[in-house]
PDB file of N, CA and C in Angstrom:
ATOM      1  N   MET A   1      70.041  48.944-130.524  1.00  0.00           N
ATOM      2  CA  MET A   1      70.320  50.307-130.932  1.00  0.00           C
ATOM      3  C   MET A   1      69.094  51.196-130.705  1.00  0.00           C
ATOM      4  N   LYS A   2      67.927  50.764-131.179  1.00  0.00           N
ATOM      5  CA  LYS A   2      66.725  51.583-131.025  1.00  0.00           C
ATOM      6  C   LYS A   2      66.323  51.702-129.565  1.00  0.00           C
ATOM      7  N   LEU A   3      66.464  50.615-128.799  1.00  0.00           N
ATOM      8  CA  LEU A   3      66.103  50.660-127.385  1.00  0.00           C
ATOM      9  C   LEU A   3      67.032  51.594-126.619  1.00  0.00           C
ATOM     10  N   THR A   4      68.298  51.619-126.967  1.00  0.00           N
ATOM     11  CA  THR A   4      69.254  52.519-126.325  1.00  0.00           C
ATOM     12  C   THR A   4      68.877  53.975-126.594  1.00  0.00           C
ATOM     13  N   PHE A   5      68.517  54.282-127.827  1.00  0.00           N
ATOM     14  CA  PHE A   5      68.101  55.644-128.155  1.00  0.00           C
ATOM     15  C   PHE A   5      66.817  56.006-127.416  1.00  0.00           C
ATOM     16  N   PHE A   6      65.874  55.076-127.325  1.00  0.00           N
ATOM     17  CA  PHE A   6      64.617  55.322-126.631  1.00  0.00           C
ATOM     18  C   PHE A   6      64.869  55.617-125.159  1.00  0.00           C
ATOM     19  N   LYS A   7      65.744  54.847-124.515  1.00  0.00           N
ATOM     20  CA  LYS A   7      66.083  55.102-123.112  1.00  0.00           C
ATOM     21  C   LYS A   7      66.738  56.477-122.958  1.00  0.00           C
ATOM     22  N   PHE A   8      67.663  56.803-123.861  1.00  0.00           N
ATOM     23  CA  PHE A   8      68.306  58.113-123.822  1.00  0.00           C
ATOM     24  C   PHE A   8      67.271  59.218-123.979  1.00  0.00           C
ATOM     25  N   PHE A   9      66.342  59.049-124.905  1.00  0.00           N
ATOM     26  CA  PHE A   9      65.313  60.045-125.171  1.00  0.00           C
ATOM     27  C   PHE A   9      64.421  60.268-123.955  1.00  0.00           C
ATOM     28  N   ILE A  10      64.005  59.186-123.305  1.00  0.00           N
ATOM     29  CA  ILE A  10      63.164  59.299-122.112  1.00  0.00           C
ATOM     30  C   ILE A  10      63.929  59.991-120.992  1.00  0.00           C
ATOM     31  N   LYS A  11      65.196  59.613-120.789  1.00  0.00           N
ATOM     32  CA  LYS A  11      65.997  60.256-119.746  1.00  0.00           C
ATOM     33  C   LYS A  11      66.220  61.734-120.055  1.00  0.00           C
ATOM     34  N   TRP A  12      66.416  62.064-121.327  1.00  0.00           N
ATOM     35  CA  TRP A  12      66.609  63.462-121.712  1.00  0.00           C
ATOM     36  C   TRP A  12      65.362  64.271-121.408  1.00  0.00           C
ATOM     37  N   ILE A  13      64.207  63.740-121.759  1.00  0.00           N
ATOM     38  CA  ILE A  13      62.948  64.440-121.474  1.00  0.00           C
ATOM     39  C   ILE A  13      62.794  64.637-119.968  1.00  0.00           C
ATOM     40  N   ALA A  14      63.042  63.573-119.205  1.00  0.00           N
ATOM     41  CA  ALA A  14      62.886  63.671-117.750  1.00  0.00           C
ATOM     42  C   ALA A  14      63.838  64.699-117.157  1.00  0.00           C
ATOM     43  N   THR A  15      65.050  64.738-117.648  1.00  0.00           N
ATOM     44  CA  THR A  15      66.037  65.659-117.115  1.00  0.00           C
ATOM     45  C   THR A  15      65.737  67.103-117.496  1.00  0.00           C
ATOM     46  N   ASN A  16      65.376  67.338-118.727  1.00  0.00           N
ATOM     47  CA  ASN A  16      65.240  68.710-119.224  1.00  0.00           C
ATOM     48  C   ASN A  16      63.836  69.296-119.128  1.00  0.00           C
ATOM     49  N   LEU A  17      62.832  68.464-119.077  1.00  0.00           N
ATOM     50  CA  LEU A  17      61.482  68.998-119.115  1.00  0.00           C
ATOM     51  C   LEU A  17      60.653  68.710-117.872  1.00  0.00           C
ATOM     52  N   SER A  18      61.220  68.065-116.874  1.00  0.00           N
ATOM     53  CA  SER A  18      60.428  67.727-115.693  1.00  0.00           C
ATOM     54  C   SER A  18      59.950  68.975-114.954  1.00  0.00           C
ATOM     55  N   ILE A  19      60.814  69.936-114.761  1.00  0.00           N
ATOM     56  CA  ILE A  19      60.408  71.146-114.039  1.00  0.00           C
ATOM     57  C   ILE A  19      59.347  71.926-114.819  1.00  0.00           C
ATOM     58  N   PRO A  20      59.537  72.168-116.128  1.00  0.00           N
ATOM     59  CA  PRO A  20      58.454  72.855-116.845  1.00  0.00           C
ATOM     60  C   PRO A  20      57.139  72.071-116.849  1.00  0.00           C
ATOM     61  N   PHE A  21      57.197  70.748-117.012  1.00  0.00           N
ATOM     62  CA  PHE A  21      55.975  69.937-116.977  1.00  0.00           C
ATOM     63  C   PHE A  21      55.251  70.145-115.657  1.00  0.00           C
ATOM     64  N   TRP A  22      55.979  70.039-114.548  1.00  0.00           N
ATOM     65  CA  TRP A  22      55.333  70.099-113.251  1.00  0.00           C
ATOM     66  C   TRP A  22      54.906  71.517-112.877  1.00  0.00           C
ATOM     67  N   ILE A  23      55.699  72.512-113.231  1.00  0.00           N
ATOM     68  CA  ILE A  23      55.307  73.892-112.923  1.00  0.00           C
ATOM     69  C   ILE A  23      54.055  74.260-113.702  1.00  0.00           C
ATOM     70  N   VAL A  24      54.074  74.022-114.996  1.00  0.00           N
ATOM     71  CA  VAL A  24      52.902  74.337-115.810  1.00  0.00           C
ATOM     72  C   VAL A  24      51.713  73.504-115.365  1.00  0.00           C
ATOM     73  N   GLY A  25      51.952  72.238-115.057  1.00  0.00           N
ATOM     74  CA  GLY A  25      50.870  71.368-114.610  1.00  0.00           C
ATOM     75  C   GLY A  25      50.241  71.831-113.314  1.00  0.00           C
ATOM     76  N   HIS A  26      51.053  72.223-112.354  1.00  0.00           N
ATOM     77  CA  HIS A  26      50.513  72.663-111.070  1.00  0.00           C
ATOM     78  C   HIS A  26      49.805  74.008-111.193  1.00  0.00           C
ATOM     79  N   VAL A  27      50.357  74.904-111.991  1.00  0.00           N
ATOM     80  CA  VAL A  27      49.672  76.176-112.215  1.00  0.00           C
ATOM     81  C   VAL A  27      48.343  75.913-112.913  1.00  0.00           C
ATOM     82  N   HIS A  28      48.360  75.017-113.876  1.00  0.00           N
ATOM     83  CA  HIS A  28      47.129  74.679-114.596  1.00  0.00           C
ATOM     84  C   HIS A  28      46.109  74.039-113.657  1.00  0.00           C
ATOM     85  N   LEU A  29      46.571  73.172-112.765  1.00  0.00           N
ATOM     86  CA  LEU A  29      45.655  72.525-111.827  1.00  0.00           C
ATOM     87  C   LEU A  29      45.011  73.532-110.876  1.00  0.00           C
ATOM     88  N   THR A  30      45.759  74.561-110.491  1.00  0.00           N
ATOM     89  CA  THR A  30      45.196  75.530-109.552  1.00  0.00           C
ATOM     90  C   THR A  30      44.250  76.515-110.215  1.00  0.00           C
ATOM     91  N   THR A  31      44.347  76.658-111.532  1.00  0.00           N
ATOM     92  CA  THR A  31      43.503  77.631-112.216  1.00  0.00           C
ATOM     93  C   THR A  31      42.409  76.989-113.064  1.00  0.00           C
ATOM     94  N   ASN A  32      42.417  75.668-113.174  1.00  0.00           N
ATOM     95  CA  ASN A  32      41.492  75.013-114.080  1.00  0.00           C
ATOM     96  C   ASN A  32      41.019  73.696-113.464  1.00  0.00           C
ATOM     97  N   ILE A  33      39.789  73.365-113.718  1.00  0.00           N
ATOM     98  CA  ILE A  33      39.270  72.060-113.305  1.00  0.00           C
ATOM     99  C   ILE A  33      39.257  71.175-114.537  1.00  0.00           C
ATOM    100  N   TYR A  34      39.790  69.959-114.382  1.00  0.00           N
ATOM    101  CA  TYR A  34      39.852  69.057-115.525  1.00  0.00           C
ATOM    102  C   TYR A  34      38.465  68.564-115.901  1.00  0.00           C
ATOM    103  N   HIS A  35      37.990  68.998-117.051  1.00  0.00           N
ATOM    104  CA  HIS A  35      36.724  68.519-117.584  1.00  0.00           C
ATOM    105  C   HIS A  35      36.952  67.660-118.813  1.00  0.00           C
ATOM    106  N   ASP A  36      38.095  67.797-119.407  1.00  0.00           N
ATOM    107  CA  ASP A  36      38.356  67.154-120.677  1.00  0.00           C
ATOM    108  C   ASP A  36      39.266  65.942-120.473  1.00  0.00           C
ATOM    109  N   LEU A  37      38.867  64.813-120.995  1.00  0.00           N
ATOM    110  CA  LEU A  37      39.666  63.591-120.890  1.00  0.00           C
ATOM    111  C   LEU A  37      41.037  63.781-121.536  1.00  0.00           C
ATOM    112  N   HIS A  38      41.105  64.565-122.591  1.00  0.00           N
ATOM    113  CA  HIS A  38      42.375  64.831-123.274  1.00  0.00           C
ATOM    114  C   HIS A  38      43.371  65.492-122.330  1.00  0.00           C
ATOM    115  N   GLU A  39      42.935  66.452-121.539  1.00  0.00           N
ATOM    116  CA  GLU A  39      43.819  67.129-120.585  1.00  0.00           C
ATOM    117  C   GLU A  39      44.311  66.170-119.511  1.00  0.00           C
ATOM    118  N   ILE A  40      43.437  65.321-119.029  1.00  0.00           N
ATOM    119  CA  ILE A  40      43.809  64.357-117.992  1.00  0.00           C
ATOM    120  C   ILE A  40      44.841  63.385-118.534  1.00  0.00           C
ATOM    121  N   LEU A  41      44.603  62.846-119.728  1.00  0.00           N
ATOM    122  CA  LEU A  41      45.533  61.882-120.317  1.00  0.00           C
ATOM    123  C   LEU A  41      46.884  62.520-120.649  1.00  0.00           C
ATOM    124  N   ALA A  42      46.868  63.758-121.131  1.00  0.00           N
ATOM    125  CA  ALA A  42      48.122  64.448-121.436  1.00  0.00           C
ATOM    126  C   ALA A  42      48.933  64.676-120.164  1.00  0.00           C
ATOM    127  N   SER A  43      48.268  65.087-119.099  1.00  0.00           N
ATOM    128  CA  SER A  43      48.943  65.310-117.827  1.00  0.00           C
ATOM    129  C   SER A  43      49.528  64.007-117.279  1.00  0.00           C
ATOM    130  N   MET A  44      48.734  62.953-117.313  1.00  0.00           N
ATOM    131  CA  MET A  44      49.220  61.656-116.838  1.00  0.00           C
ATOM    132  C   MET A  44      50.384  61.173-117.693  1.00  0.00           C
ATOM    133  N   GLY A  45      50.287  61.342-119.001  1.00  0.00           N
ATOM    134  CA  GLY A  45      51.356  60.906-119.899  1.00  0.00           C
ATOM    135  C   GLY A  45      52.663  61.617-119.633  1.00  0.00           C
ATOM    136  N   MET A  46      52.604  62.939-119.442  1.00  0.00           N
ATOM    137  CA  MET A  46      53.827  63.689-119.165  1.00  0.00           C
ATOM    138  C   MET A  46      54.454  63.248-117.841  1.00  0.00           C
ATOM    139  N   ASN A  47      53.629  63.036-116.826  1.00  0.00           N
ATOM    140  CA  ASN A  47      54.160  62.595-115.532  1.00  0.00           C
ATOM    141  C   ASN A  47      54.729  61.188-115.614  1.00  0.00           C
ATOM    142  N   ILE A  48      54.125  60.321-116.394  1.00  0.00           N
ATOM    143  CA  ILE A  48      54.648  58.960-116.567  1.00  0.00           C
ATOM    144  C   ILE A  48      55.987  58.995-117.290  1.00  0.00           C
ATOM    145  N   ILE A  49      56.117  59.844-118.319  1.00  0.00           N
ATOM    146  CA  ILE A  49      57.389  59.964-119.040  1.00  0.00           C
ATOM    147  C   ILE A  49      58.488  60.447-118.102  1.00  0.00           C
ATOM    148  N   VAL A  50      58.204  61.463-117.309  1.00  0.00           N
ATOM    149  CA  VAL A  50      59.204  62.004-116.384  1.00  0.00           C
ATOM    150  C   VAL A  50      59.561  60.977-115.313  1.00  0.00           C
ATOM    151  N   ALA A  51      58.565  60.299-114.759  1.00  0.00           N
ATOM    152  CA  ALA A  51      58.836  59.275-113.738  1.00  0.00           C
ATOM    153  C   ALA A  51      59.659  58.136-114.318  1.00  0.00           C
ATOM    154  N   THR A  52      59.366  57.728-115.537  1.00  0.00           N
ATOM    155  CA  THR A  52      60.136  56.664-116.181  1.00  0.00           C
ATOM    156  C   THR A  52      61.578  57.094-116.396  1.00  0.00           C
ATOM    157  N   GLY A  53      61.776  58.323-116.822  1.00  0.00           N
ATOM    158  CA  GLY A  53      63.139  58.839-117.004  1.00  0.00           C
ATOM    159  C   GLY A  53      63.911  58.876-115.706  1.00  0.00           C
ATOM    160  N   PHE A  54      63.260  59.326-114.633  1.00  0.00           N
ATOM    161  CA  PHE A  54      63.927  59.327-113.329  1.00  0.00           C
ATOM    162  C   PHE A  54      64.287  57.910-112.905  1.00  0.00           C
ATOM    163  N   TRP A  55      63.369  56.975-113.124  1.00  0.00           N
ATOM    164  CA  TRP A  55      63.625  55.580-112.737  1.00  0.00           C
ATOM    165  C   TRP A  55      64.779  54.999-113.545  1.00  0.00           C
ATOM    166  N   LEU A  56      64.827  55.255-114.858  1.00  0.00           N
ATOM    167  CA  LEU A  56      65.930  54.753-115.685  1.00  0.00           C
ATOM    168  C   LEU A  56      67.261  55.337-115.233  1.00  0.00           C
ATOM    169  N   GLU A  57      67.267  56.621-114.932  1.00  0.00           N
ATOM    170  CA  GLU A  57      68.495  57.272-114.462  1.00  0.00           C
ATOM    171  C   GLU A  57      68.938  56.697-113.117  1.00  0.00           C
ATOM    172  N   TRP A  58      67.984  56.498-112.204  1.00  0.00           N
ATOM    173  CA  TRP A  58      68.305  55.921-110.900  1.00  0.00           C
ATOM    174  C   TRP A  58      68.846  54.509-111.056  1.00  0.00           C
ATOM    175  N   LYS A  59      68.219  53.727-111.925  1.00  0.00           N
ATOM    176  CA  LYS A  59      68.658  52.351-112.158  1.00  0.00           C
ATOM    177  C   LYS A  59      70.087  52.330-112.699  1.00  0.00           C
ATOM    178  N   GLU A  60      70.399  53.240-113.624  1.00  0.00           N
ATOM    179  CA  GLU A  60      71.742  53.317-114.191  1.00  0.00           C
ATOM    180  C   GLU A  60      72.766  53.742-113.135  1.00  0.00           C
ATOM    181  N   LYS A  61      72.421  54.747-112.344  1.00  0.00           N
ATOM    182  CA  LYS A  61      73.357  55.238-111.323  1.00  0.00           C
ATOM    183  C   LYS A  61      73.554  54.235-110.195  1.00  0.00           C
ATOM    184  N   SER A  62      72.497  53.528-109.811  1.00  0.00           N
ATOM    185  CA  SER A  62      72.629  52.590-108.694  1.00  0.00           C
ATOM    186  C   SER A  62      73.343  51.309-109.086  1.00  0.00           C
ATOM    187  N   SER A  63      73.401  51.003-110.392  1.00  0.00           N
ATOM    188  CA  SER A  63      74.091  49.790-110.811  1.00  0.00           C
ATOM    189  C   SER A  63      75.604  49.988-110.870  1.00  0.00           C
ATOM    190  N   LYS A  64      76.044  51.245-110.926  1.00  0.00           N
ATOM    191  CA  LYS A  64      77.474  51.544-110.914  1.00  0.00           C
ATOM    192  C   LYS A  64      77.951  51.606-109.482  1.00  0.00           C
ATOM    193  N   LYS A  65      78.831  50.708-109.122  1.00  0.00           N
ATOM    194  CA  LYS A  65      79.330  50.676-107.750  1.00  0.00           C
ATOM    195  C   LYS A  65      80.540  51.596-107.624  1.00  0.00           C
ATOM    196  N   PRO A  66      80.599  52.332-106.520  1.00  0.00           N
ATOM    197  CA  PRO A  66      81.750  53.234-106.329  1.00  0.00           C
ATOM    198  C   PRO A  66      83.036  52.441-106.121  1.00  0.00           C
ATOM    199  N   LYS A  67      84.121  52.995-106.633  1.00  0.00           N
ATOM    200  CA  LYS A  67      85.431  52.354-106.478  1.00  0.00           C
ATOM    201  C   LYS A  67      85.953  52.609-105.081  1.00  0.00           C
ATOM    202  N   LYS A  68      86.539  51.568-104.488  1.00  0.00           N
ATOM    203  CA  LYS A  68      87.142  51.720-103.163  1.00  0.00           C
ATOM    204  C   LYS A  68      88.562  52.273-103.321  1.00  0.00           C
ATOM    205  N   SER A  69      88.930  53.158-102.420  1.00  0.00           N
ATOM    206  CA  SER A  69      90.262  53.777-102.488  1.00  0.00           C
ATOM    207  C   SER A  69      91.298  52.866-101.887  1.00  0.00           C
TER     208      SER A  69
END
């Protein structure tokens, strides 16, 4: 039960927040140089969450085989 909710939560974040994460991240990268370890870790964490959500969604979609007519 908890693992199912966790997977749903990660996929939800990846689906709904990936564009804002990457847009804000890229704008931030072009206007700021990372000097703070906290900023680097936060950026990496957000990208890892989004990548994990995409991977979970891909894994779910690819395991469903299309029905033959």
